[in-house]
Amino acid sequence: SPLQGPRMLNITGKGKAGKIQLPREIFRSLSSQTVRIVVTVLNIQRLGMFEEVNQTGQVLDDTVVGITVGETSISGLQDPVQLTFAHGQLPHGVTPQCVFWDPSKGMAGGWNSSGCVMQLGDKGTVCSCDHLTFFTLLLNPALDRSTAQALMAVATAGCGVAMASSIFTIAFCIFLRCRFRSEETLCTNLGLHVNLMGSLLLLNLAFLLNSGLSSGTQPGTCKVLGGLTHYCLLCCFTWMALEGCHLYLLFVKVLGTYIHHYLVKLCLVGWGFPTLVVGVAGVIGSYGEYSVQTMDHQVIAHLCWITSKYLLVHYITNCGYFGLILLFNMAVFGVVAQKSCCLQGTGAVQGDRKAWKVALVVVGLFCLLGATWVLAFLTHDTSSVPMLYLFTILNSLQGIFIFVWLVILYYPKTKETAGSLSHIIRHDKTITVSQD
């Protein structure tokens, strides 16, 4: 009826009742037409359909429900269609998610939750979606409460350790700059390290403030805190990229590379570019309260961050941005390692001690360029708890790694070594001149 709308009861092969309720809005627009309503229930295990590449979640009862009204595509409903997926007690360690099949996702299609809202009940889950297509309830791996709390505790403690190591590293770099101010290359290197460690210090401080102050804050304050955290993260990524650019200039363009006020210009990019990105994200209202939940939807922590409504901003400005930086820095890392091996082969670096120094430079650069953040791409879901612990611990200790590397590399520093990195670069220049 155009006034009430149909209510259908569908019984699956396993005898579990599911309900579909279509809104009146659909039938008001079709009141002068005769249309066919088709509800299709598919067992995808038998049919081999709706298989997403690298899918981590499991489809409830391997059942997908498709709904069509007439032959037109229906989307953007103000009053959503409601699907009730009946189930008993869900398995331990999973969280349900209302999804639909999106043919445009990836190469062969995939599950998408855009436009769907979930309401979990005792005997079933209600999915309210603003369009008609093929729907299902996806059971994703989830953290339990104890594991999530342990991860939060490790992250909080790690931030404190990282802040302390960042302060020590900054003080050590300033000491070396004052002691060896006549060596321009060394001072520039240390200046870059100071800015990178400063961004790490601010990022860890912002996280501690966020986790401690976000609960119960005013919406305006939460937006500012979320923007600040996002700004510090982007600054950290940007300074990692600038470290890579600097190494490229030193090891590849070793001749004729002079930039007036070089470090000042790097600071304008390192601290200024994230300001533009955060400003644009703030104008469109991306920041707000973000809840960290367990599998049973218990809130563990409130964070001021990019809201769930604007996850695309997170994927572009964080995941995409860091992905490009990681590719570039790993390419630079490969060039640096190859250059160091060539210098040893030509005799520019001799002796076991110098070979050990070169190896230390390579290992330190691997951490300096942000390689520990590679784990971020391996923890896109909660299916691997050990990987989550590893990601949390290694990134908390990144500041300590860099501090130990700098101490061993530059101190105590003699006139003969003048810093292994500067020593290698000077020899590389000499070799290049003699070859030309």
Protein backbone atom coordinates (compact mmCIF):
# COMPACT_ATOMS: atom_id res chain seq x y z
CA SER A 1 0.00 0.00 0.00
CA PRO A 2 1.32 3.50 -0.80
CA LEU A 3 0.09 4.63 2.63
CA GLN A 4 1.59 1.90 4.81
CA GLY A 5 4.33 0.20 2.79
CA PRO A 6 4.82 -3.58 2.80
CA ARG A 7 6.28 -5.65 5.61
CA MET A 8 7.77 -8.96 4.54
CA LEU A 9 8.89 -11.90 6.63
CA ASN A 10 11.61 -13.99 5.06
CA ILE A 11 12.57 -17.43 6.37
CA THR A 12 16.09 -18.61 5.46
CA GLY A 13 17.03 -22.21 4.89
CA LYS A 14 18.24 -22.45 8.49
CA GLY A 15 14.91 -21.31 9.87
CA LYS A 16 16.09 -17.94 11.23
CA ALA A 17 13.56 -15.17 10.74
CA GLY A 18 14.64 -11.90 9.17
CA LYS A 19 12.43 -8.86 8.57
CA ILE A 20 12.53 -6.24 5.83
CA GLN A 21 10.63 -2.96 6.13
CA LEU A 22 10.47 -0.62 3.16
CA PRO A 23 9.64 3.08 3.77
CA ARG A 24 6.48 4.78 2.47
CA GLU A 25 8.70 7.23 0.61
CA ILE A 26 9.42 4.64 -2.08
CA PHE A 27 5.75 3.96 -2.79
CA ARG A 28 4.63 7.58 -2.81
CA SER A 29 6.89 8.17 -5.80
CA LEU A 30 5.51 5.04 -7.49
CA SER A 31 1.82 5.49 -6.60
CA SER A 32 0.70 5.69 -10.26
CA GLN A 33 2.75 2.70 -11.38
CA THR A 34 2.65 -1.05 -11.03
CA VAL A 35 6.04 -2.39 -9.98
CA ARG A 36 7.48 -5.68 -8.85
CA ILE A 37 9.17 -5.94 -5.47
CA VAL A 38 11.86 -8.61 -5.44
CA VAL A 39 13.66 -9.85 -2.33
CA THR A 40 16.52 -12.25 -3.08
CA VAL A 41 18.19 -14.33 -0.35
CA LEU A 42 21.49 -15.88 -1.46
CA ASN A 43 23.83 -18.39 0.15
CA ILE A 44 27.16 -17.05 -1.08
CA GLN A 45 29.10 -20.11 0.12
CA ARG A 46 27.30 -22.29 -2.39
CA LEU A 47 27.26 -19.70 -5.17
CA GLY A 48 30.79 -18.38 -4.80
CA MET A 49 29.59 -14.79 -5.14
CA PHE A 50 30.35 -11.55 -3.27
CA GLU A 51 33.95 -12.46 -2.47
CA GLU A 52 36.05 -9.47 -1.52
CA VAL A 53 39.83 -9.46 -2.01
CA ASN A 54 41.67 -9.73 1.34
CA GLN A 55 38.39 -9.86 3.27
CA THR A 56 38.93 -10.19 7.03
CA GLY A 57 35.30 -10.28 8.16
CA GLN A 58 32.86 -13.18 7.85
CA VAL A 59 29.36 -12.88 6.36
CA LEU A 60 26.68 -13.86 8.88
CA ASP A 61 25.37 -17.35 7.96
CA ASP A 62 26.89 -16.77 4.47
CA THR A 63 23.62 -14.96 3.65
CA VAL A 64 23.20 -11.89 1.44
CA VAL A 65 19.82 -10.19 0.96
CA GLY A 66 19.06 -8.22 -2.20
CA ILE A 67 16.10 -5.81 -2.55
CA THR A 68 14.82 -4.23 -5.76
CA VAL A 69 11.67 -2.19 -6.42
CA GLY A 70 10.90 -1.93 -10.10
CA GLU A 71 13.80 -1.46 -12.47
CA THR A 72 15.11 1.88 -11.20
CA SER A 73 17.98 2.50 -8.81
CA ILE A 74 16.76 3.87 -5.49
CA SER A 75 19.14 5.82 -3.26
CA GLY A 76 19.23 8.86 -0.98
CA LEU A 77 16.17 7.84 1.04
CA GLN A 78 15.25 10.20 3.87
CA ASP A 79 13.41 7.38 5.65
CA PRO A 80 15.76 4.38 5.38
CA VAL A 81 14.94 0.78 4.57
CA GLN A 82 15.29 -1.47 7.62
CA LEU A 83 16.65 -5.01 7.53
CA THR A 84 16.62 -7.17 10.64
CA PHE A 85 19.23 -9.92 10.63
CA ALA A 86 18.25 -12.54 13.22
CA HIS A 87 21.03 -14.24 15.17
CA GLY A 88 21.82 -15.60 18.58
CA GLN A 89 24.86 -14.81 20.67
CA LEU A 90 27.61 -13.61 18.36
CA PRO A 91 30.99 -15.37 18.48
CA HIS A 92 33.60 -14.01 20.85
CA GLY A 93 36.04 -11.52 19.35
CA VAL A 94 33.88 -10.14 16.53
CA THR A 95 31.87 -6.98 16.00
CA PRO A 96 28.95 -6.75 13.51
CA GLN A 97 28.83 -4.21 10.70
CA CYS A 98 25.99 -3.43 8.29
CA VAL A 99 27.39 -3.43 4.76
CA PHE A 100 26.27 -3.56 1.14
CA TRP A 101 28.03 -4.80 -1.96
CA ASP A 102 29.75 -1.97 -3.84
CA PRO A 103 30.80 -3.05 -7.38
CA SER A 104 32.98 0.06 -7.76
CA LYS A 105 35.17 -0.75 -4.76
CA GLY A 106 38.57 -2.14 -5.68
CA MET A 107 39.14 -4.25 -8.77
CA ALA A 108 36.29 -6.72 -8.32
CA GLY A 109 34.00 -4.97 -5.85
CA GLY A 110 33.82 -5.07 -2.06
CA TRP A 111 31.77 -4.42 1.04
CA ASN A 112 30.88 -0.83 1.91
CA SER A 113 29.09 0.58 4.97
CA SER A 114 28.39 4.10 3.66
CA GLY A 115 24.79 5.19 4.24
CA CYS A 116 24.02 2.35 6.69
CA VAL A 117 23.43 2.63 10.43
CA MET A 118 23.49 -0.38 12.75
CA GLN A 119 21.42 -1.04 15.87
CA LEU A 120 22.44 -4.14 17.80
CA GLY A 121 19.70 -6.01 19.66
CA ASP A 122 19.46 -9.12 21.85
CA LYS A 123 18.10 -11.40 19.12
CA GLY A 124 19.22 -9.63 16.00
CA THR A 125 20.78 -6.61 14.36
CA VAL A 126 18.81 -3.90 12.55
CA CYS A 127 20.49 -2.27 9.54
CA SER A 128 19.00 1.02 8.36
CA CYS A 129 20.28 2.04 4.92
CA ASP A 130 19.37 4.89 2.59
CA HIS A 131 19.36 2.86 -0.64
CA LEU A 132 18.40 -0.52 -2.11
CA THR A 133 20.94 -3.14 -3.15
CA PHE A 134 22.49 -6.36 -1.74
CA PHE A 135 23.00 -6.24 2.04
CA THR A 136 24.51 -8.44 4.72
CA LEU A 137 25.86 -8.36 8.25
CA LEU A 138 29.63 -8.60 8.30
CA LEU A 139 31.34 -10.00 11.41
CA ASN A 140 34.71 -8.27 11.76
CA PRO A 141 37.49 -9.22 14.20
CA ALA A 142 37.45 -6.93 17.21
CA LEU A 143 39.43 -6.24 20.32
CA ASP A 144 38.15 -7.35 23.67
CA ARG A 145 38.05 -4.86 26.50
CA SER A 146 41.11 -6.12 28.40
CA THR A 147 43.33 -6.10 25.28
CA ALA A 148 42.16 -2.64 24.25
CA GLN A 149 42.82 -1.26 27.73
CA ALA A 150 46.26 -2.87 27.75
CA LEU A 151 47.07 -1.25 24.40
CA MET A 152 45.93 2.14 25.69
CA ALA A 153 48.13 1.71 28.78
CA VAL A 154 51.15 0.72 26.65
CA ALA A 155 50.57 3.67 24.32
CA THR A 156 50.27 6.13 27.23
CA ALA A 157 53.43 4.85 28.91
CA GLY A 158 55.23 4.82 25.57
CA CYS A 159 54.32 8.46 24.96
CA GLY A 160 55.91 9.43 28.26
CA VAL A 161 59.11 7.57 27.38
CA ALA A 162 59.11 9.05 23.86
CA MET A 163 58.74 12.59 25.22
CA ALA A 164 61.68 12.13 27.58
CA SER A 165 63.88 10.68 24.83
CA SER A 166 62.88 13.49 22.46
CA ILE A 167 63.91 16.12 25.01
CA PHE A 168 67.28 14.41 25.58
CA THR A 169 67.85 14.12 21.83
CA ILE A 170 67.04 17.78 21.19
CA ALA A 171 69.39 18.85 24.00
CA PHE A 172 72.14 16.58 22.65
CA CYS A 173 71.77 17.95 19.11
CA ILE A 174 71.90 21.54 20.36
CA PHE A 175 75.06 20.69 22.32
CA LEU A 176 76.73 19.26 19.22
CA ARG A 177 75.70 22.26 17.09
CA CYS A 178 77.29 24.62 19.60
CA ARG A 179 80.44 22.52 19.82
CA PHE A 180 80.98 22.02 16.09
CA ARG A 181 79.34 25.14 14.67
CA SER A 182 82.09 25.52 12.06
CA GLU A 183 80.99 22.37 10.20
CA GLU A 184 78.10 23.49 8.04
CA THR A 185 76.96 20.04 6.87
CA LEU A 186 76.92 18.63 10.39
CA CYS A 187 75.00 21.61 11.76
CA THR A 188 72.40 21.32 9.02
CA ASN A 189 71.97 17.60 9.74
CA LEU A 190 71.54 18.27 13.45
CA GLY A 191 69.10 21.09 12.74
CA LEU A 192 66.92 18.68 10.78
CA HIS A 193 67.09 16.13 13.59
CA VAL A 194 66.05 18.77 16.12
CA ASN A 195 62.95 19.63 14.11
CA LEU A 196 62.03 15.96 13.60
CA MET A 197 62.40 15.21 17.29
CA GLY A 198 60.45 18.38 18.10
CA SER A 199 57.55 17.15 15.96
CA LEU A 200 57.68 13.75 17.71
CA LEU A 201 57.66 15.51 21.08
CA LEU A 202 54.60 17.55 20.13
CA LEU A 203 52.82 14.49 18.71
CA ASN A 204 53.25 12.50 21.92
CA LEU A 205 52.25 15.50 24.02
CA ALA A 206 49.15 16.03 21.89
CA PHE A 207 48.17 12.37 22.29
CA LEU A 208 48.52 12.54 26.07
CA LEU A 209 46.45 15.73 26.20
CA ASN A 210 43.92 14.20 23.86
CA SER A 211 43.44 10.99 25.83
CA GLY A 212 43.33 12.88 29.12
CA LEU A 213 41.17 15.89 28.25
CA SER A 214 38.91 14.74 25.42
CA SER A 215 36.33 13.07 27.67
CA GLY A 216 33.66 15.58 28.64
CA THR A 217 35.13 18.53 26.73
CA GLN A 218 33.04 21.08 24.89
CA PRO A 219 32.53 20.45 21.14
CA GLY A 220 34.55 23.52 20.21
CA THR A 221 37.45 22.52 22.46
CA CYS A 222 37.36 18.98 21.11
CA LYS A 223 37.59 20.27 17.53
CA VAL A 224 40.64 22.35 18.43
CA LEU A 225 42.27 19.40 20.20
CA GLY A 226 41.53 17.09 17.27
CA GLY A 227 43.01 19.60 14.83
CA LEU A 228 46.11 19.99 17.02
CA THR A 229 46.68 16.23 17.14
CA HIS A 230 46.23 15.96 13.38
CA TYR A 231 48.63 18.89 12.85
CA CYS A 232 51.35 17.27 15.00
CA LEU A 233 50.98 13.96 13.14
CA LEU A 234 51.29 15.67 9.75
CA CYS A 235 54.33 17.65 10.97
CA CYS A 236 55.99 14.39 12.02
CA PHE A 237 55.34 12.84 8.60
CA THR A 238 56.50 15.99 6.77
CA TRP A 239 59.79 16.17 8.67
CA MET A 240 60.43 12.52 7.85
CA ALA A 241 59.97 13.43 4.20
CA LEU A 242 62.33 16.41 4.55
CA GLU A 243 64.95 14.13 6.12
CA GLY A 244 64.66 11.99 3.00
CA CYS A 245 64.95 15.01 0.69
CA HIS A 246 68.01 16.22 2.56
CA LEU A 247 69.72 12.84 2.27
CA TYR A 248 68.92 12.78 -1.44
CA LEU A 249 70.65 16.15 -1.90
CA LEU A 250 73.67 15.00 0.12
CA PHE A 251 74.21 11.61 -1.46
CA VAL A 252 72.93 12.09 -5.02
CA LYS A 253 73.40 15.79 -5.82
CA VAL A 254 76.68 16.13 -3.96
CA LEU A 255 78.02 18.90 -6.19
CA GLY A 256 76.66 22.36 -6.86
CA THR A 257 73.80 22.11 -4.39
CA TYR A 258 73.55 25.30 -2.37
CA ILE A 259 70.25 26.75 -1.16
CA HIS A 260 70.19 30.13 0.53
CA HIS A 261 68.66 29.94 4.05
CA TYR A 262 68.23 26.20 3.50
CA LEU A 263 67.15 25.23 7.02
CA VAL A 264 64.77 28.18 7.31
CA LYS A 265 63.00 27.15 4.10
CA LEU A 266 62.74 23.58 5.34
CA CYS A 267 61.11 24.86 8.54
CA LEU A 268 58.56 26.82 6.49
CA VAL A 269 57.62 23.61 4.68
CA GLY A 270 57.83 21.31 7.70
CA TRP A 271 55.66 23.46 9.97
CA GLY A 272 53.69 25.41 7.37
CA PHE A 273 52.32 22.78 4.98
CA PRO A 274 50.48 20.83 7.74
CA THR A 275 48.86 24.12 8.78
CA LEU A 276 47.23 24.44 5.36
CA VAL A 277 45.96 20.85 5.41
CA VAL A 278 44.54 21.12 8.93
CA GLY A 279 43.00 24.49 8.08
CA VAL A 280 41.10 23.03 5.11
CA ALA A 281 40.02 19.99 7.14
CA GLY A 282 38.84 22.27 9.93
CA VAL A 283 36.79 24.46 7.57
CA ILE A 284 34.78 21.46 6.35
CA GLY A 285 34.19 20.36 9.96
CA SER A 286 36.26 17.17 10.02
CA TYR A 287 37.21 17.25 13.70
CA GLY A 288 35.15 16.17 16.68
CA GLU A 289 34.69 13.35 19.17
CA TYR A 290 35.82 9.89 18.12
CA SER A 291 35.02 6.87 20.31
CA VAL A 292 37.21 3.80 20.65
CA GLN A 293 34.87 0.84 21.21
CA THR A 294 35.14 -2.84 21.99
CA MET A 295 33.33 -5.66 20.20
CA ASP A 296 30.29 -5.21 22.44
CA HIS A 297 30.24 -1.46 21.71
CA GLN A 298 31.55 -0.45 25.13
CA VAL A 299 33.43 2.82 24.86
CA ILE A 300 37.02 2.47 26.09
CA ALA A 301 38.23 5.97 25.31
CA HIS A 302 37.04 9.23 23.82
CA LEU A 303 39.48 10.97 21.49
CA CYS A 304 39.25 14.29 19.70
CA TRP A 305 40.09 13.32 16.15
CA ILE A 306 38.67 13.12 12.63
CA THR A 307 35.05 11.99 13.04
CA SER A 308 33.69 8.82 11.45
CA LYS A 309 31.68 10.92 9.01
CA TYR A 310 34.89 12.25 7.44
CA LEU A 311 36.99 9.07 7.28
CA LEU A 312 37.91 10.01 3.70
CA VAL A 313 39.88 12.95 5.12
CA HIS A 314 41.83 10.49 7.29
CA TYR A 315 42.54 8.16 4.37
CA ILE A 316 43.78 11.00 2.14
CA THR A 317 45.69 13.23 4.56
CA ASN A 318 47.14 10.50 6.76
CA CYS A 319 47.23 7.11 5.00
CA GLY A 320 47.73 8.42 1.47
CA TYR A 321 50.17 11.17 2.47
CA PHE A 322 52.33 8.87 4.57
CA GLY A 323 52.20 6.16 1.90
CA LEU A 324 53.79 8.51 -0.63
CA ILE A 325 56.40 9.65 1.92
CA LEU A 326 57.23 6.06 2.78
CA LEU A 327 57.79 5.10 -0.86
CA PHE A 328 60.06 8.10 -1.41
CA ASN A 329 62.07 7.58 1.79
CA MET A 330 62.58 3.89 1.13
CA ALA A 331 63.88 4.77 -2.34
CA VAL A 332 66.29 7.27 -0.77
CA PHE A 333 67.29 4.66 1.79
CA GLY A 334 68.17 2.28 -1.03
CA VAL A 335 70.31 4.95 -2.73
CA VAL A 336 72.12 5.75 0.52
CA ALA A 337 72.83 2.08 1.20
CA GLN A 338 74.10 1.61 -2.36
CA LYS A 339 76.32 4.70 -2.11
CA SER A 340 77.81 3.51 1.17
CA CYS A 341 78.64 0.12 -0.33
CA CYS A 342 80.26 1.80 -3.34
CA LEU A 343 82.38 4.02 -1.10
CA GLN A 344 83.63 0.99 0.80
CA GLY A 345 84.44 -0.69 -2.51
CA THR A 346 86.50 2.32 -3.70
CA GLY A 347 88.41 2.50 -0.44
CA ALA A 348 86.87 5.75 0.76
CA VAL A 349 85.85 3.99 3.96
CA GLN A 350 88.42 1.61 5.34
CA GLY A 351 88.85 -0.44 8.44
CA ASP A 352 86.50 -2.51 10.52
CA ARG A 353 85.54 0.42 12.70
CA LYS A 354 84.56 2.55 9.71
CA ALA A 355 82.60 -0.33 8.18
CA TRP A 356 80.73 -0.69 11.48
CA LYS A 357 80.09 3.04 11.45
CA VAL A 358 78.63 2.86 7.95
CA ALA A 359 76.39 -0.03 8.98
CA LEU A 360 75.23 2.00 11.96
CA VAL A 361 74.47 4.95 9.70
CA VAL A 362 72.29 2.73 7.49
CA VAL A 363 70.38 1.24 10.43
CA GLY A 364 69.87 4.66 11.98
CA LEU A 365 68.63 6.14 8.72
CA PHE A 366 66.14 3.29 8.41
CA CYS A 367 64.56 4.42 11.67
CA LEU A 368 65.05 8.13 10.99
CA LEU A 369 63.06 7.92 7.76
CA GLY A 370 60.05 6.48 9.55
CA ALA A 371 60.33 2.79 8.68
CA THR A 372 58.69 1.79 11.97
CA TRP A 373 55.47 3.38 10.71
CA VAL A 374 55.27 0.71 8.00
CA LEU A 375 53.39 -1.34 10.59
CA ALA A 376 50.52 1.14 10.29
CA PHE A 377 49.60 -0.50 6.98
CA LEU A 378 49.63 -3.94 8.62
CA THR A 379 47.21 -2.93 11.41
CA HIS A 380 44.25 -1.68 9.34
CA ASP A 381 42.01 -4.03 11.32
CA THR A 382 42.15 -5.70 14.73
CA SER A 383 42.73 -9.23 13.51
CA SER A 384 46.38 -9.27 14.64
CA VAL A 385 46.77 -8.27 18.27
CA PRO A 386 50.58 -8.96 18.30
CA MET A 387 50.97 -6.59 15.34
CA LEU A 388 49.06 -3.90 17.24
CA TYR A 389 51.36 -4.30 20.24
CA LEU A 390 54.44 -4.20 17.98
CA PHE A 391 53.21 -1.06 16.23
CA THR A 392 52.47 0.68 19.53
CA ILE A 393 55.78 -0.23 21.16
CA LEU A 394 58.11 0.45 18.20
CA ASN A 395 56.63 3.86 17.45
CA SER A 396 56.80 4.78 21.12
CA LEU A 397 60.51 3.86 21.08
CA GLN A 398 61.34 5.67 17.84
CA GLY A 399 62.72 8.63 19.76
CA ILE A 400 64.97 6.35 21.83
CA PHE A 401 66.28 4.64 18.69
CA ILE A 402 67.24 7.99 17.15
CA PHE A 403 68.80 9.23 20.41
CA VAL A 404 71.01 6.13 20.80
CA TRP A 405 71.97 6.34 17.13
CA LEU A 406 73.05 9.98 17.43
CA VAL A 407 75.00 9.38 20.64
CA ILE A 408 76.99 6.47 19.19
CA LEU A 409 77.44 8.17 15.83
CA TYR A 410 78.52 11.65 16.92
CA TYR A 411 79.90 11.35 20.46
CA PRO A 412 82.68 11.24 21.44
CA LYS A 413 83.58 12.98 18.20
CA THR A 414 87.19 13.40 17.03
CA LYS A 415 88.67 15.56 14.37
CA GLU A 416 89.45 12.47 12.32
CA THR A 417 85.86 11.23 12.09
CA ALA A 418 84.03 14.56 12.08
CA GLY A 419 80.83 12.57 12.08
CA SER A 420 80.53 9.46 9.92
CA LEU A 421 77.82 10.95 7.74
CA SER A 422 79.79 14.13 6.99
CA HIS A 423 82.94 12.05 6.48
CA ILE A 424 81.24 9.86 3.88
CA ILE A 425 79.79 12.87 2.08
CA ARG A 426 83.15 14.65 1.85
CA HIS A 427 84.78 11.53 0.40
CA ASP A 428 81.90 11.16 -2.05
CA LYS A 429 82.48 14.72 -3.29
CA THR A 430 86.21 14.09 -3.68
CA ILE A 431 85.62 10.90 -5.68
CA THR A 432 83.08 12.59 -7.93
CA VAL A 433 85.47 15.51 -8.70
CA SER A 434 88.33 13.15 -9.55
CA GLN A 435 86.07 11.16 -11.90
CA ASP A 436 84.90 14.31 -13.70
